[in-house]
Amino acid sequence: MKEKKNLEKEGKKTLKVGFWILGIFIFLWIIYYIIMLTSCNDESCGMGFIVAIYSSIIPLAIILIIIFIGIILLIIGKQRNKK
């Protein structure tokens, strides 16, 4: 019985960690984007936005995987607690 409760707790912890990392990542990305906008003076400014998006795809995917794992653990934990 104790193991079932722990799985749900692990799911909640993983979700919290995932959302915290996501929030920090978005905050840093916004700061990075503002720096890119303020530091450019010529026509290549549009490329900065594209580079910022492409450089953030992999970390964003990793964060979403962490959140997804948390959701799965939470669902499995709740299903087991019902039994």
C-alpha atoms as a PDB file:
ATOM      1  CA  MET A   1       0.000   0.000   0.000  1.00  0.00           C
ATOM      2  CA  LYS A   2       2.880   2.341   0.838  1.00  0.00           C
ATOM      3  CA  GLU A   3       4.428   1.800  -2.610  1.00  0.00           C
ATOM      4  CA  LYS A   4       1.239   2.977  -4.353  1.00  0.00           C
ATOM      5  CA  LYS A   5       1.190   6.269  -2.422  1.00  0.00           C
ATOM      6  CA  ASN A   6       4.887   6.853  -3.182  1.00  0.00           C
ATOM      7  CA  LEU A   7       4.288   6.566  -6.930  1.00  0.00           C
ATOM      8  CA  GLU A   8       1.693   9.329  -6.797  1.00  0.00           C
ATOM      9  CA  LYS A   9       4.057  11.486  -4.711  1.00  0.00           C
ATOM     10  CA  GLU A  10       6.858  10.881  -7.212  1.00  0.00           C
ATOM     11  CA  GLY A  11       4.536  11.946 -10.025  1.00  0.00           C
ATOM     12  CA  LYS A  12       3.654  15.177  -8.219  1.00  0.00           C
ATOM     13  CA  LYS A  13       7.332  15.876  -7.478  1.00  0.00           C
ATOM     14  CA  THR A  14       8.326  15.238 -11.100  1.00  0.00           C
ATOM     15  CA  LEU A  15       5.537  17.532 -12.321  1.00  0.00           C
ATOM     16  CA  LYS A  16       6.591  20.294  -9.912  1.00  0.00           C
ATOM     17  CA  VAL A  17      10.222  20.006 -10.982  1.00  0.00           C
ATOM     18  CA  GLY A  18       9.206  19.981 -14.647  1.00  0.00           C
ATOM     19  CA  PHE A  19       7.054  23.099 -14.327  1.00  0.00           C
ATOM     20  CA  TRP A  20       9.718  24.926 -12.285  1.00  0.00           C
ATOM     21  CA  ILE A  21      12.356  24.139 -14.919  1.00  0.00           C
ATOM     22  CA  LEU A  22       9.904  25.180 -17.665  1.00  0.00           C
ATOM     23  CA  GLY A  23       9.214  28.491 -15.915  1.00  0.00           C
ATOM     24  CA  ILE A  24      12.917  29.220 -15.400  1.00  0.00           C
ATOM     25  CA  PHE A  25      13.657  28.247 -19.004  1.00  0.00           C
ATOM     26  CA  ILE A  26      10.943  30.552 -20.405  1.00  0.00           C
ATOM     27  CA  PHE A  27      12.148  33.395 -18.150  1.00  0.00           C
ATOM     28  CA  LEU A  28      15.759  32.968 -19.322  1.00  0.00           C
ATOM     29  CA  TRP A  29      14.637  32.658 -22.941  1.00  0.00           C
ATOM     30  CA  ILE A  30      12.701  35.953 -22.697  1.00  0.00           C
ATOM     31  CA  ILE A  31      15.767  37.674 -21.199  1.00  0.00           C
ATOM     32  CA  TYR A  32      17.919  36.189 -23.973  1.00  0.00           C
ATOM     33  CA  TYR A  33      15.471  37.390 -26.626  1.00  0.00           C
ATOM     34  CA  ILE A  34      15.356  40.934 -25.159  1.00  0.00           C
ATOM     35  CA  ILE A  35      19.175  41.032 -25.176  1.00  0.00           C
ATOM     36  CA  MET A  36      19.177  39.845 -28.804  1.00  0.00           C
ATOM     37  CA  LEU A  37      16.695  42.596 -29.754  1.00  0.00           C
ATOM     38  CA  THR A  38      18.505  45.407 -27.953  1.00  0.00           C
ATOM     39  CA  SER A  39      22.000  44.435 -29.090  1.00  0.00           C
ATOM     40  CA  CYS A  40      21.370  44.408 -32.855  1.00  0.00           C
ATOM     41  CA  ASN A  41      21.519  47.479 -35.068  1.00  0.00           C
ATOM     42  CA  ASP A  42      21.370  46.116 -38.617  1.00  0.00           C
ATOM     43  CA  GLU A  43      19.035  44.018 -40.782  1.00  0.00           C
ATOM     44  CA  SER A  44      20.210  40.677 -39.357  1.00  0.00           C
ATOM     45  CA  CYS A  45      18.000  41.171 -36.281  1.00  0.00           C
ATOM     46  CA  GLY A  46      15.321  38.816 -37.613  1.00  0.00           C
ATOM     47  CA  MET A  47      17.837  35.972 -37.632  1.00  0.00           C
ATOM     48  CA  GLY A  48      18.351  36.391 -33.881  1.00  0.00           C
ATOM     49  CA  PHE A  49      14.772  35.331 -33.238  1.00  0.00           C
ATOM     50  CA  ILE A  50      15.091  32.267 -35.484  1.00  0.00           C
ATOM     51  CA  VAL A  51      18.384  31.275 -33.839  1.00  0.00           C
ATOM     52  CA  ALA A  52      16.808  31.726 -30.388  1.00  0.00           C
ATOM     53  CA  ILE A  53      13.913  29.427 -31.319  1.00  0.00           C
ATOM     54  CA  TYR A  54      16.116  26.743 -32.874  1.00  0.00           C
ATOM     55  CA  SER A  55      18.583  26.788 -29.981  1.00  0.00           C
ATOM     56  CA  SER A  56      15.735  26.317 -27.498  1.00  0.00           C
ATOM     57  CA  ILE A  57      13.957  23.376 -29.165  1.00  0.00           C
ATOM     58  CA  ILE A  58      16.080  20.605 -27.598  1.00  0.00           C
ATOM     59  CA  PRO A  59      16.004  21.923 -23.977  1.00  0.00           C
ATOM     60  CA  LEU A  60      12.267  22.579 -24.344  1.00  0.00           C
ATOM     61  CA  ALA A  61      11.722  19.000 -25.558  1.00  0.00           C
ATOM     62  CA  ILE A  62      13.650  17.634 -22.552  1.00  0.00           C
ATOM     63  CA  ILE A  63      11.559  19.755 -20.150  1.00  0.00           C
ATOM     64  CA  LEU A  64       8.304  18.601 -21.790  1.00  0.00           C
ATOM     65  CA  ILE A  65       9.455  14.969 -21.476  1.00  0.00           C
ATOM     66  CA  ILE A  66      10.056  15.532 -17.725  1.00  0.00           C
ATOM     67  CA  ILE A  67       6.530  16.998 -17.354  1.00  0.00           C
ATOM     68  CA  PHE A  68       5.068  14.117 -19.403  1.00  0.00           C
ATOM     69  CA  ILE A  69       6.810  11.531 -17.165  1.00  0.00           C
ATOM     70  CA  GLY A  70       5.386  13.327 -14.117  1.00  0.00           C
ATOM     71  CA  ILE A  71       1.861  13.181 -15.557  1.00  0.00           C
ATOM     72  CA  ILE A  72       2.243   9.459 -16.353  1.00  0.00           C
ATOM     73  CA  LEU A  73       3.506   8.697 -12.821  1.00  0.00           C
ATOM     74  CA  LEU A  74       0.622  10.694 -11.351  1.00  0.00           C
ATOM     75  CA  ILE A  75      -1.976   8.838 -13.444  1.00  0.00           C
ATOM     76  CA  ILE A  76      -0.457   5.415 -12.650  1.00  0.00           C
ATOM     77  CA  GLY A  77      -0.323   6.310  -8.951  1.00  0.00           C
ATOM     78  CA  LYS A  78      -3.977   7.366  -8.902  1.00  0.00           C
ATOM     79  CA  GLN A  79      -5.068   4.224 -10.795  1.00  0.00           C
ATOM     80  CA  ARG A  80      -3.213   2.004  -8.326  1.00  0.00           C
ATOM     81  CA  ASN A  81      -4.691   3.839  -5.343  1.00  0.00           C
ATOM     82  CA  LYS A  82      -8.217   3.153  -6.620  1.00  0.00           C
ATOM     83  CA  LYS A  83      -7.623  -0.614  -6.553  1.00  0.00           C
END
